[in-house]
Amino acid sequence: MREFGSAIILAGGKSSRMGFDKQLLYIRERKLMDNLINKLKPIFDDIIIVTNKPEYYCLLVHSITEDIIPNGGPLGGIHAGLSIASSKYSYVIACDMPNVNQEYIHFMKDILKESKKQGCVSMYGDYIEPFNSFYSRELIQPIEEFLSKDQRAVHRFLKDKDIVSIPEKRVREFSPDWDMFFNLNTREDVNTYLKKESGF
């Protein structure tokens, strides 16, 4: 099995604040999901979409899967993606995170190659950023055990796991304004993103 090569996009959220399903969000006449896939393609050849609406993607050539464990939240989505991943480590991102920092992804890969830990996450102060992170297939069974106890919080699951936590100060060397963790929750977020992308 390869060490790297898989990317998991979580697209199963409720999108309640946006007012419609973010999987269908268009940015400059192109689906946000398509933009994200195109940014990941140069780095990963195995792109997995975890979605509660697989019918949206029936024409795509990428791997499509649904949660294996119902009502598991984002952790359940990570579990579903890891279960079909073709590599030991998978990069995990949410479908509403439009900014992909390739330099930082390669930085995390290098850390894992050296450390052989079960994952790599970024810290915002004492808070774990669960996305724009790497997870190992070794976490599949621990996730199942955690979810079986009716627990779902990703940060709580990772608390005692053998992972690398990159301090905020180091992370900001790659993303000073934290834009690689920016997500589109509301229409205002979309407008903010478009303005910044346009340079206004």
N, C-alpha and C. Protein backbone atom coordinates (compact mmCIF):
# COMPACT_ATOMS: atom_id res chain seq x y z
N MET A 1 0.84 -1.21 0.00
CA MET A 1 0.00 0.00 0.00
C MET A 1 0.87 1.25 0.00
N ARG A 2 0.51 2.22 -0.81
CA ARG A 2 1.24 3.49 -0.85
C ARG A 2 1.09 4.25 0.46
N GLU A 3 2.06 5.10 0.71
CA GLU A 3 1.98 5.90 1.94
C GLU A 3 1.00 7.06 1.77
N PHE A 4 1.05 7.72 0.61
CA PHE A 4 0.17 8.86 0.33
C PHE A 4 -0.52 8.65 -1.03
N GLY A 5 -1.47 9.49 -1.34
CA GLY A 5 -2.13 9.38 -2.64
C GLY A 5 -3.63 9.62 -2.58
N SER A 6 -4.22 9.48 -1.37
CA SER A 6 -5.67 9.63 -1.23
C SER A 6 -6.05 10.97 -0.59
N ALA A 7 -7.10 11.56 -1.11
CA ALA A 7 -7.69 12.77 -0.51
C ALA A 7 -9.17 12.51 -0.30
N ILE A 8 -9.66 12.88 0.87
CA ILE A 8 -11.07 12.69 1.22
C ILE A 8 -11.74 14.06 1.34
N ILE A 9 -12.82 14.24 0.59
CA ILE A 9 -13.61 15.47 0.67
C ILE A 9 -14.91 15.14 1.37
N LEU A 10 -15.17 15.80 2.50
CA LEU A 10 -16.41 15.57 3.23
C LEU A 10 -17.48 16.53 2.73
N ALA A 11 -18.58 15.96 2.24
CA ALA A 11 -19.63 16.79 1.63
C ALA A 11 -21.00 16.45 2.17
N GLY A 12 -21.06 16.00 3.41
CA GLY A 12 -22.34 15.52 3.93
C GLY A 12 -23.01 16.40 4.95
N GLY A 13 -22.56 17.65 5.10
CA GLY A 13 -23.14 18.52 6.13
C GLY A 13 -24.55 18.97 5.78
N LYS A 14 -25.22 19.60 6.75
CA LYS A 14 -26.61 20.03 6.56
C LYS A 14 -26.73 21.37 5.83
N SER A 15 -25.65 22.18 5.83
CA SER A 15 -25.65 23.47 5.11
C SER A 15 -26.77 24.39 5.58
N SER A 16 -27.15 24.31 6.85
CA SER A 16 -28.31 25.06 7.33
C SER A 16 -28.09 26.56 7.28
N ARG A 17 -26.87 27.03 7.53
CA ARG A 17 -26.61 28.47 7.53
C ARG A 17 -26.54 29.03 6.12
N MET A 18 -26.18 28.19 5.14
CA MET A 18 -26.10 28.66 3.76
C MET A 18 -27.49 28.79 3.15
N GLY A 19 -28.43 27.95 3.60
CA GLY A 19 -29.77 28.02 3.07
C GLY A 19 -30.01 27.04 1.93
N PHE A 20 -28.96 26.41 1.43
CA PHE A 20 -29.09 25.36 0.41
C PHE A 20 -27.85 24.47 0.52
N ASP A 21 -27.90 23.33 -0.15
CA ASP A 21 -26.83 22.35 -0.04
C ASP A 21 -25.54 22.89 -0.65
N LYS A 22 -24.49 22.99 0.17
CA LYS A 22 -23.21 23.56 -0.30
C LYS A 22 -22.55 22.70 -1.37
N GLN A 23 -22.95 21.45 -1.48
CA GLN A 23 -22.41 20.61 -2.53
C GLN A 23 -22.76 21.16 -3.92
N LEU A 24 -23.81 21.98 -3.96
CA LEU A 24 -24.28 22.54 -5.23
C LEU A 24 -23.85 23.99 -5.42
N LEU A 25 -23.01 24.49 -4.52
CA LEU A 25 -22.59 25.89 -4.59
C LEU A 25 -21.70 26.14 -5.80
N TYR A 26 -22.01 27.21 -6.52
CA TYR A 26 -21.21 27.61 -7.67
C TYR A 26 -20.38 28.84 -7.32
N ILE A 27 -19.12 28.83 -7.76
CA ILE A 27 -18.22 29.97 -7.62
C ILE A 27 -17.76 30.35 -9.02
N ARG A 28 -18.15 31.54 -9.46
CA ARG A 28 -17.81 31.99 -10.82
C ARG A 28 -18.17 30.94 -11.87
N GLU A 29 -19.44 30.55 -11.82
CA GLU A 29 -20.04 29.64 -12.82
C GLU A 29 -19.43 28.24 -12.82
N ARG A 30 -18.76 27.88 -11.76
CA ARG A 30 -18.23 26.52 -11.64
C ARG A 30 -18.53 26.00 -10.25
N LYS A 31 -18.90 24.74 -10.16
CA LYS A 31 -19.21 24.17 -8.84
C LYS A 31 -18.00 24.26 -7.92
N LEU A 32 -18.26 24.66 -6.68
CA LEU A 32 -17.20 24.72 -5.67
C LEU A 32 -16.49 23.37 -5.56
N MET A 33 -17.26 22.28 -5.61
CA MET A 33 -16.68 20.95 -5.53
C MET A 33 -15.71 20.70 -6.69
N ASP A 34 -16.08 21.12 -7.90
CA ASP A 34 -15.21 20.92 -9.07
C ASP A 34 -13.91 21.70 -8.90
N ASN A 35 -14.02 22.92 -8.38
CA ASN A 35 -12.82 23.74 -8.14
C ASN A 35 -11.89 23.04 -7.15
N LEU A 36 -12.47 22.50 -6.10
CA LEU A 36 -11.68 21.84 -5.07
C LEU A 36 -11.00 20.59 -5.64
N ILE A 37 -11.74 19.80 -6.39
CA ILE A 37 -11.16 18.60 -7.00
C ILE A 37 -10.00 18.96 -7.91
N ASN A 38 -10.16 20.00 -8.71
CA ASN A 38 -9.10 20.41 -9.63
C ASN A 38 -7.84 20.87 -8.89
N LYS A 39 -8.01 21.43 -7.71
CA LYS A 39 -6.85 21.86 -6.92
C LYS A 39 -6.15 20.67 -6.26
N LEU A 40 -6.91 19.61 -6.00
CA LEU A 40 -6.33 18.43 -5.35
C LEU A 40 -5.71 17.45 -6.35
N LYS A 41 -6.18 17.47 -7.58
CA LYS A 41 -5.72 16.52 -8.60
C LYS A 41 -4.21 16.48 -8.79
N PRO A 42 -3.51 17.63 -8.78
CA PRO A 42 -2.06 17.58 -8.99
C PRO A 42 -1.31 16.87 -7.85
N ILE A 43 -1.95 16.72 -6.71
CA ILE A 43 -1.27 16.14 -5.54
C ILE A 43 -1.74 14.73 -5.24
N PHE A 44 -3.02 14.45 -5.49
CA PHE A 44 -3.61 13.16 -5.14
C PHE A 44 -4.28 12.52 -6.36
N ASP A 45 -4.07 11.23 -6.54
CA ASP A 45 -4.70 10.55 -7.67
C ASP A 45 -5.91 9.74 -7.25
N ASP A 46 -6.16 9.66 -5.95
CA ASP A 46 -7.32 8.93 -5.42
C ASP A 46 -8.16 9.93 -4.64
N ILE A 47 -9.20 10.47 -5.27
CA ILE A 47 -10.03 11.48 -4.62
C ILE A 47 -11.36 10.84 -4.25
N ILE A 48 -11.66 10.87 -2.96
CA ILE A 48 -12.85 10.22 -2.40
C ILE A 48 -13.81 11.29 -1.91
N ILE A 49 -15.06 11.20 -2.34
CA ILE A 49 -16.08 12.14 -1.89
C ILE A 49 -17.04 11.39 -0.98
N VAL A 50 -17.13 11.85 0.27
CA VAL A 50 -18.07 11.26 1.23
C VAL A 50 -19.30 12.16 1.26
N THR A 51 -20.44 11.63 0.84
CA THR A 51 -21.63 12.47 0.68
C THR A 51 -22.90 11.72 1.04
N ASN A 52 -23.89 12.48 1.51
CA ASN A 52 -25.21 11.90 1.75
C ASN A 52 -26.09 12.03 0.52
N LYS A 53 -25.51 12.56 -0.57
CA LYS A 53 -26.22 12.72 -1.83
C LYS A 53 -25.39 12.16 -2.97
N PRO A 54 -25.15 10.85 -3.00
CA PRO A 54 -24.28 10.28 -4.04
C PRO A 54 -24.80 10.50 -5.45
N GLU A 55 -26.12 10.74 -5.57
CA GLU A 55 -26.69 10.97 -6.90
C GLU A 55 -26.16 12.24 -7.56
N TYR A 56 -25.62 13.17 -6.76
CA TYR A 56 -25.04 14.39 -7.32
C TYR A 56 -23.80 14.10 -8.16
N TYR A 57 -23.19 12.96 -7.91
CA TYR A 57 -21.87 12.69 -8.49
C TYR A 57 -21.84 11.46 -9.39
N CYS A 58 -22.98 11.07 -9.91
CA CYS A 58 -23.06 9.82 -10.67
C CYS A 58 -22.21 9.85 -11.94
N LEU A 59 -21.86 11.02 -12.45
CA LEU A 59 -21.08 11.09 -13.68
C LEU A 59 -19.59 11.30 -13.44
N LEU A 60 -19.19 11.42 -12.19
CA LEU A 60 -17.78 11.64 -11.89
C LEU A 60 -17.01 10.32 -11.84
N VAL A 61 -15.73 10.40 -12.13
CA VAL A 61 -14.91 9.18 -12.12
C VAL A 61 -14.27 8.94 -10.75
N HIS A 62 -14.49 9.84 -9.81
CA HIS A 62 -13.88 9.71 -8.49
C HIS A 62 -14.67 8.71 -7.63
N SER A 63 -14.05 8.29 -6.53
CA SER A 63 -14.72 7.35 -5.62
C SER A 63 -15.77 8.10 -4.81
N ILE A 64 -16.97 7.55 -4.77
CA ILE A 64 -18.07 8.16 -4.02
C ILE A 64 -18.50 7.17 -2.95
N THR A 65 -18.67 7.65 -1.72
CA THR A 65 -19.12 6.76 -0.66
C THR A 65 -20.01 7.52 0.32
N GLU A 66 -20.78 6.78 1.08
CA GLU A 66 -21.63 7.34 2.13
C GLU A 66 -21.12 6.87 3.48
N ASP A 67 -21.62 7.49 4.53
CA ASP A 67 -21.23 7.07 5.88
C ASP A 67 -21.56 5.59 6.07
N ILE A 68 -20.63 4.87 6.67
CA ILE A 68 -20.85 3.47 7.02
C ILE A 68 -21.58 3.39 8.36
N ILE A 69 -21.18 4.30 9.26
CA ILE A 69 -21.81 4.38 10.58
C ILE A 69 -22.73 5.59 10.58
N PRO A 70 -24.04 5.42 10.65
CA PRO A 70 -24.98 6.54 10.58
C PRO A 70 -24.80 7.54 11.71
N ASN A 71 -25.08 8.80 11.40
CA ASN A 71 -25.10 9.88 12.39
C ASN A 71 -23.77 10.04 13.12
N GLY A 72 -22.68 9.78 12.42
CA GLY A 72 -21.36 9.92 13.03
C GLY A 72 -20.73 11.28 12.85
N GLY A 73 -21.44 12.21 12.17
CA GLY A 73 -20.90 13.54 11.96
C GLY A 73 -19.64 13.49 11.11
N PRO A 74 -18.81 14.54 11.19
CA PRO A 74 -17.57 14.56 10.41
C PRO A 74 -16.65 13.37 10.67
N LEU A 75 -16.61 12.90 11.92
CA LEU A 75 -15.76 11.76 12.23
C LEU A 75 -16.25 10.51 11.49
N GLY A 76 -17.56 10.38 11.37
CA GLY A 76 -18.12 9.28 10.60
C GLY A 76 -17.75 9.38 9.13
N GLY A 77 -17.69 10.62 8.61
CA GLY A 77 -17.28 10.83 7.22
C GLY A 77 -15.82 10.47 7.01
N ILE A 78 -14.97 10.86 7.97
CA ILE A 78 -13.55 10.51 7.90
C ILE A 78 -13.39 8.99 7.90
N HIS A 79 -14.15 8.33 8.74
CA HIS A 79 -14.13 6.87 8.82
C HIS A 79 -14.51 6.24 7.48
N ALA A 80 -15.58 6.73 6.87
CA ALA A 80 -16.04 6.18 5.59
C ALA A 80 -14.97 6.36 4.51
N GLY A 81 -14.34 7.53 4.48
CA GLY A 81 -13.31 7.78 3.49
C GLY A 81 -12.09 6.91 3.69
N LEU A 82 -11.64 6.82 4.93
CA LEU A 82 -10.47 5.99 5.23
C LEU A 82 -10.72 4.53 4.87
N SER A 83 -11.95 4.09 5.01
CA SER A 83 -12.29 2.68 4.78
C SER A 83 -12.09 2.26 3.33
N ILE A 84 -12.14 3.21 2.39
CA ILE A 84 -11.95 2.84 0.98
C ILE A 84 -10.70 3.49 0.39
N ALA A 85 -9.92 4.17 1.21
CA ALA A 85 -8.72 4.85 0.72
C ALA A 85 -7.69 3.84 0.22
N SER A 86 -6.93 4.23 -0.80
CA SER A 86 -5.93 3.33 -1.39
C SER A 86 -4.54 3.55 -0.82
N SER A 87 -4.40 4.49 0.12
CA SER A 87 -3.08 4.75 0.71
C SER A 87 -3.17 4.72 2.22
N LYS A 88 -2.02 4.61 2.86
CA LYS A 88 -1.97 4.56 4.33
C LYS A 88 -2.53 5.84 4.92
N TYR A 89 -2.09 6.99 4.40
CA TYR A 89 -2.55 8.29 4.89
C TYR A 89 -3.49 8.93 3.88
N SER A 90 -4.51 9.60 4.39
CA SER A 90 -5.43 10.36 3.54
C SER A 90 -5.49 11.80 4.02
N TYR A 91 -5.46 12.70 3.06
CA TYR A 91 -5.67 14.12 3.34
C TYR A 91 -7.17 14.35 3.43
N VAL A 92 -7.62 15.07 4.45
CA VAL A 92 -9.05 15.29 4.67
C VAL A 92 -9.37 16.78 4.64
N ILE A 93 -10.37 17.14 3.85
CA ILE A 93 -10.81 18.52 3.74
C ILE A 93 -12.33 18.53 3.58
N ALA A 94 -12.97 19.64 3.96
CA ALA A 94 -14.41 19.77 3.79
C ALA A 94 -14.71 20.43 2.45
N CYS A 95 -15.88 20.13 1.90
CA CYS A 95 -16.21 20.62 0.56
C CYS A 95 -16.38 22.13 0.50
N ASP A 96 -16.54 22.78 1.67
CA ASP A 96 -16.74 24.23 1.67
C ASP A 96 -15.46 25.00 2.01
N MET A 97 -14.32 24.32 1.89
CA MET A 97 -13.02 24.97 2.14
C MET A 97 -12.33 25.18 0.79
N PRO A 98 -12.41 26.39 0.23
CA PRO A 98 -11.96 26.61 -1.16
C PRO A 98 -10.47 26.79 -1.34
N ASN A 99 -9.73 27.01 -0.25
CA ASN A 99 -8.30 27.34 -0.37
C ASN A 99 -7.44 26.12 -0.06
N VAL A 100 -6.74 25.64 -1.07
CA VAL A 100 -5.84 24.49 -0.90
C VAL A 100 -4.41 25.00 -0.95
N ASN A 101 -3.65 24.75 0.11
CA ASN A 101 -2.26 25.19 0.20
C ASN A 101 -1.35 23.99 -0.06
N GLN A 102 -0.90 23.87 -1.30
CA GLN A 102 -0.09 22.71 -1.68
C GLN A 102 1.22 22.63 -0.90
N GLU A 103 1.82 23.78 -0.64
CA GLU A 103 3.08 23.80 0.10
C GLU A 103 2.90 23.20 1.49
N TYR A 104 1.78 23.55 2.14
CA TYR A 104 1.53 23.04 3.48
C TYR A 104 1.21 21.55 3.46
N ILE A 105 0.51 21.10 2.44
CA ILE A 105 0.22 19.67 2.31
C ILE A 105 1.52 18.88 2.21
N HIS A 106 2.45 19.36 1.39
CA HIS A 106 3.73 18.66 1.25
C HIS A 106 4.53 18.72 2.56
N PHE A 107 4.40 19.82 3.29
CA PHE A 107 5.04 19.94 4.60
C PHE A 107 4.53 18.88 5.56
N MET A 108 3.21 18.69 5.59
CA MET A 108 2.63 17.67 6.46
C MET A 108 3.05 16.27 6.04
N LYS A 109 3.12 16.05 4.74
CA LYS A 109 3.59 14.74 4.24
C LYS A 109 5.01 14.45 4.75
N ASP A 110 5.87 15.44 4.66
CA ASP A 110 7.25 15.25 5.11
C ASP A 110 7.32 14.92 6.59
N ILE A 111 6.47 15.57 7.39
CA ILE A 111 6.42 15.30 8.82
C ILE A 111 6.03 13.84 9.07
N LEU A 112 5.03 13.36 8.34
CA LEU A 112 4.55 12.00 8.54
C LEU A 112 5.54 10.96 8.05
N LYS A 113 6.24 11.27 6.97
CA LYS A 113 7.26 10.35 6.46
C LYS A 113 8.33 10.10 7.52
N GLU A 114 8.65 11.15 8.25
CA GLU A 114 9.70 11.06 9.27
C GLU A 114 9.18 10.49 10.58
N SER A 115 7.97 10.89 10.98
CA SER A 115 7.47 10.53 12.31
C SER A 115 6.73 9.20 12.35
N LYS A 116 6.09 8.83 11.23
CA LYS A 116 5.29 7.60 11.16
C LYS A 116 4.12 7.61 12.14
N LYS A 117 3.64 8.81 12.49
CA LYS A 117 2.52 8.91 13.43
C LYS A 117 1.20 8.54 12.73
N GLN A 118 0.10 8.57 13.48
CA GLN A 118 -1.19 8.18 12.95
C GLN A 118 -1.95 9.32 12.26
N GLY A 119 -1.37 10.48 12.28
CA GLY A 119 -2.03 11.62 11.63
C GLY A 119 -1.26 12.90 11.87
N CYS A 120 -1.73 13.95 11.23
CA CYS A 120 -1.09 15.26 11.37
C CYS A 120 -2.17 16.33 11.29
N VAL A 121 -2.29 17.14 12.34
CA VAL A 121 -3.30 18.20 12.40
C VAL A 121 -2.65 19.53 12.77
N SER A 122 -3.41 20.59 12.53
CA SER A 122 -2.93 21.93 12.87
C SER A 122 -3.64 22.43 14.12
N MET A 123 -2.95 23.26 14.88
CA MET A 123 -3.53 23.81 16.10
C MET A 123 -3.84 25.29 15.92
N TYR A 124 -5.01 25.71 16.38
CA TYR A 124 -5.37 27.12 16.46
C TYR A 124 -5.47 27.43 17.94
N GLY A 125 -4.36 27.89 18.51
CA GLY A 125 -4.28 27.97 19.97
C GLY A 125 -4.30 26.55 20.52
N ASP A 126 -5.27 26.25 21.37
CA ASP A 126 -5.42 24.90 21.91
C ASP A 126 -6.46 24.08 21.14
N TYR A 127 -7.01 24.67 20.08
CA TYR A 127 -8.07 24.02 19.31
C TYR A 127 -7.48 23.24 18.14
N ILE A 128 -7.94 22.02 17.93
CA ILE A 128 -7.50 21.20 16.81
C ILE A 128 -8.32 21.54 15.57
N GLU A 129 -7.66 21.84 14.47
CA GLU A 129 -8.33 22.00 13.19
C GLU A 129 -8.48 20.59 12.59
N PRO A 130 -9.70 20.07 12.51
CA PRO A 130 -9.87 18.68 12.07
C PRO A 130 -9.69 18.47 10.57
N PHE A 131 -9.81 19.56 9.79
CA PHE A 131 -9.67 19.45 8.35
C PHE A 131 -8.38 20.12 7.88
N ASN A 132 -8.08 19.94 6.60
CA ASN A 132 -6.75 20.32 6.09
C ASN A 132 -5.71 19.57 6.93
N SER A 133 -5.97 18.26 7.07
CA SER A 133 -5.19 17.40 7.95
C SER A 133 -5.01 16.02 7.30
N PHE A 134 -4.14 15.22 7.89
CA PHE A 134 -3.92 13.85 7.42
C PHE A 134 -4.33 12.86 8.50
N TYR A 135 -4.95 11.76 8.06
CA TYR A 135 -5.36 10.69 8.97
C TYR A 135 -4.88 9.35 8.39
N SER A 136 -4.49 8.45 9.27
CA SER A 136 -4.03 7.13 8.86
C SER A 136 -5.16 6.10 8.91
N ARG A 137 -5.06 5.09 8.06
CA ARG A 137 -6.02 3.99 8.10
C ARG A 137 -5.98 3.26 9.44
N GLU A 138 -4.90 3.41 10.19
CA GLU A 138 -4.80 2.79 11.51
C GLU A 138 -5.88 3.31 12.47
N LEU A 139 -6.49 4.44 12.11
CA LEU A 139 -7.50 5.04 12.98
C LEU A 139 -8.91 4.50 12.72
N ILE A 140 -9.07 3.66 11.70
CA ILE A 140 -10.40 3.17 11.36
C ILE A 140 -11.07 2.47 12.55
N GLN A 141 -10.40 1.49 13.13
CA GLN A 141 -11.00 0.76 14.25
C GLN A 141 -11.19 1.64 15.49
N PRO A 142 -10.19 2.47 15.86
CA PRO A 142 -10.43 3.36 17.00
C PRO A 142 -11.61 4.30 16.79
N ILE A 143 -11.84 4.75 15.55
CA ILE A 143 -13.00 5.61 15.28
C ILE A 143 -14.28 4.82 15.51
N GLU A 144 -14.31 3.57 15.03
CA GLU A 144 -15.50 2.74 15.22
C GLU A 144 -15.80 2.55 16.70
N GLU A 145 -14.77 2.31 17.49
CA GLU A 145 -14.96 2.12 18.93
C GLU A 145 -15.46 3.40 19.59
N PHE A 146 -14.92 4.53 19.16
CA PHE A 146 -15.31 5.83 19.72
C PHE A 146 -16.77 6.14 19.39
N LEU A 147 -17.16 5.94 18.12
CA LEU A 147 -18.53 6.21 17.70
C LEU A 147 -19.52 5.25 18.36
N SER A 148 -19.07 4.04 18.66
CA SER A 148 -19.96 3.06 19.30
C SER A 148 -20.36 3.48 20.71
N LYS A 149 -19.57 4.40 21.28
CA LYS A 149 -19.88 4.93 22.62
C LYS A 149 -20.72 6.20 22.54
N ASP A 150 -21.26 6.45 21.33
CA ASP A 150 -22.12 7.62 21.09
C ASP A 150 -21.36 8.93 21.28
N GLN A 151 -20.09 8.91 20.93
CA GLN A 151 -19.28 10.12 20.94
C GLN A 151 -18.92 10.47 19.49
N ARG A 152 -18.88 11.78 19.18
CA ARG A 152 -18.66 12.16 17.79
C ARG A 152 -17.61 13.26 17.60
N ALA A 153 -17.22 13.94 18.66
CA ALA A 153 -16.33 15.10 18.53
C ALA A 153 -14.94 14.69 18.06
N VAL A 154 -14.51 15.25 16.94
CA VAL A 154 -13.21 14.88 16.36
C VAL A 154 -12.07 15.25 17.31
N HIS A 155 -12.14 16.45 17.88
CA HIS A 155 -11.04 16.90 18.74
C HIS A 155 -10.90 16.01 19.97
N ARG A 156 -12.04 15.52 20.48
CA ARG A 156 -11.99 14.64 21.64
C ARG A 156 -11.41 13.27 21.26
N PHE A 157 -11.77 12.80 20.07
CA PHE A 157 -11.24 11.53 19.59
C PHE A 157 -9.72 11.60 19.44
N LEU A 158 -9.22 12.71 18.92
CA LEU A 158 -7.79 12.83 18.62
C LEU A 158 -6.94 13.12 19.86
N LYS A 159 -7.57 13.46 20.94
CA LYS A 159 -6.86 13.95 22.12
C LYS A 159 -5.75 13.01 22.60
N ASP A 160 -6.02 11.72 22.61
CA ASP A 160 -5.03 10.77 23.13
C ASP A 160 -4.42 9.89 22.04
N LYS A 161 -4.58 10.33 20.77
CA LYS A 161 -4.05 9.53 19.66
C LYS A 161 -2.61 9.94 19.34
N ASP A 162 -1.91 9.04 18.69
CA ASP A 162 -0.50 9.25 18.36
C ASP A 162 -0.37 10.06 17.08
N ILE A 163 -0.66 11.36 17.19
CA ILE A 163 -0.64 12.23 16.02
C ILE A 163 0.33 13.40 16.23
N VAL A 164 0.68 14.03 15.13
CA VAL A 164 1.51 15.24 15.18
C VAL A 164 0.58 16.45 15.21
N SER A 165 0.78 17.34 16.16
CA SER A 165 0.00 18.58 16.26
C SER A 165 0.94 19.75 15.95
N ILE A 166 0.71 20.42 14.85
CA ILE A 166 1.58 21.52 14.43
C ILE A 166 1.13 22.81 15.12
N PRO A 167 2.00 23.46 15.87
CA PRO A 167 1.62 24.69 16.60
C PRO A 167 1.17 25.80 15.65
N GLU A 168 0.25 26.63 16.13
CA GLU A 168 -0.30 27.71 15.32
C GLU A 168 0.79 28.60 14.72
N LYS A 169 1.80 28.92 15.51
CA LYS A 169 2.87 29.80 15.02
C LYS A 169 3.53 29.23 13.77
N ARG A 170 3.76 27.93 13.77
CA ARG A 170 4.38 27.27 12.62
C ARG A 170 3.43 27.23 11.43
N VAL A 171 2.15 26.98 11.71
CA VAL A 171 1.15 26.92 10.65
C VAL A 171 1.05 28.27 9.93
N ARG A 172 1.10 29.35 10.71
CA ARG A 172 0.96 30.68 10.13
C ARG A 172 2.13 31.08 9.22
N GLU A 173 3.21 30.35 9.28
CA GLU A 173 4.29 30.60 8.33
C GLU A 173 3.85 30.25 6.91
N PHE A 174 2.86 29.37 6.80
CA PHE A 174 2.32 28.98 5.51
C PHE A 174 1.05 29.76 5.17
N SER A 175 0.30 30.13 6.19
CA SER A 175 -0.98 30.82 5.99
C SER A 175 -1.15 31.88 7.06
N PRO A 176 -0.50 33.04 6.89
CA PRO A 176 -0.52 34.09 7.92
C PRO A 176 -1.92 34.53 8.32
N ASP A 177 -2.84 34.58 7.36
CA ASP A 177 -4.20 35.03 7.68
C ASP A 177 -5.18 33.87 7.90
N TRP A 178 -4.63 32.64 7.98
CA TRP A 178 -5.42 31.45 8.27
C TRP A 178 -6.41 31.13 7.14
N ASP A 179 -6.16 31.60 5.94
CA ASP A 179 -7.14 31.43 4.87
C ASP A 179 -7.26 29.99 4.39
N MET A 180 -6.28 29.14 4.66
CA MET A 180 -6.41 27.76 4.20
C MET A 180 -7.38 26.97 5.08
N PHE A 181 -7.87 27.60 6.17
CA PHE A 181 -8.89 26.97 7.00
C PHE A 181 -10.25 27.67 6.86
N PHE A 182 -10.30 28.65 5.97
CA PHE A 182 -11.54 29.41 5.76
C PHE A 182 -12.59 28.51 5.12
N ASN A 183 -13.81 28.56 5.67
CA ASN A 183 -14.87 27.78 5.05
C ASN A 183 -16.10 28.65 4.78
N LEU A 184 -16.88 28.22 3.82
CA LEU A 184 -18.02 29.00 3.34
C LEU A 184 -19.29 28.49 4.00
N ASN A 185 -19.65 29.13 5.12
CA ASN A 185 -20.85 28.72 5.86
C ASN A 185 -22.09 29.53 5.47
N THR A 186 -21.88 30.78 5.05
CA THR A 186 -22.99 31.68 4.75
C THR A 186 -22.76 32.36 3.40
N ARG A 187 -23.78 33.02 2.91
CA ARG A 187 -23.65 33.79 1.66
C ARG A 187 -22.64 34.93 1.84
N GLU A 188 -22.57 35.48 3.06
CA GLU A 188 -21.59 36.53 3.34
C GLU A 188 -20.17 35.99 3.21
N ASP A 189 -19.97 34.75 3.65
CA ASP A 189 -18.66 34.12 3.50
C ASP A 189 -18.29 34.00 2.02
N VAL A 190 -19.27 33.64 1.20
CA VAL A 190 -19.02 33.52 -0.25
C VAL A 190 -18.62 34.87 -0.82
N ASN A 191 -19.34 35.93 -0.43
CA ASN A 191 -19.02 37.26 -0.93
C ASN A 191 -17.62 37.70 -0.49
N THR A 192 -17.27 37.40 0.76
CA THR A 192 -15.94 37.72 1.27
C THR A 192 -14.87 37.00 0.47
N TYR A 193 -15.10 35.74 0.19
CA TYR A 193 -14.14 34.94 -0.58
C TYR A 193 -13.97 35.49 -1.99
N LEU A 194 -15.07 35.84 -2.64
CA LEU A 194 -15.01 36.35 -4.01
C LEU A 194 -14.28 37.69 -4.08
N LYS A 195 -14.54 38.54 -3.07
CA LYS A 195 -13.86 39.84 -3.04
C LYS A 195 -12.36 39.66 -2.87
N LYS A 196 -11.98 38.78 -1.97
CA LYS A 196 -10.55 38.56 -1.73
C LYS A 196 -9.88 37.96 -2.95
N GLU A 197 -10.58 37.02 -3.61
CA GLU A 197 -10.02 36.39 -4.80
C GLU A 197 -9.85 37.39 -5.93
N SER A 198 -10.74 38.39 -5.94
CA SER A 198 -10.67 39.41 -7.00
C SER A 198 -9.68 40.53 -6.66
N GLY A 199 -9.19 40.55 -5.42
CA GLY A 199 -8.22 41.56 -5.02
C GLY A 199 -8.83 42.83 -4.51
N PHE A 200 -10.13 42.79 -4.16
CA PHE A 200 -10.80 43.99 -3.64
C PHE A 200 -10.82 43.98 -2.12
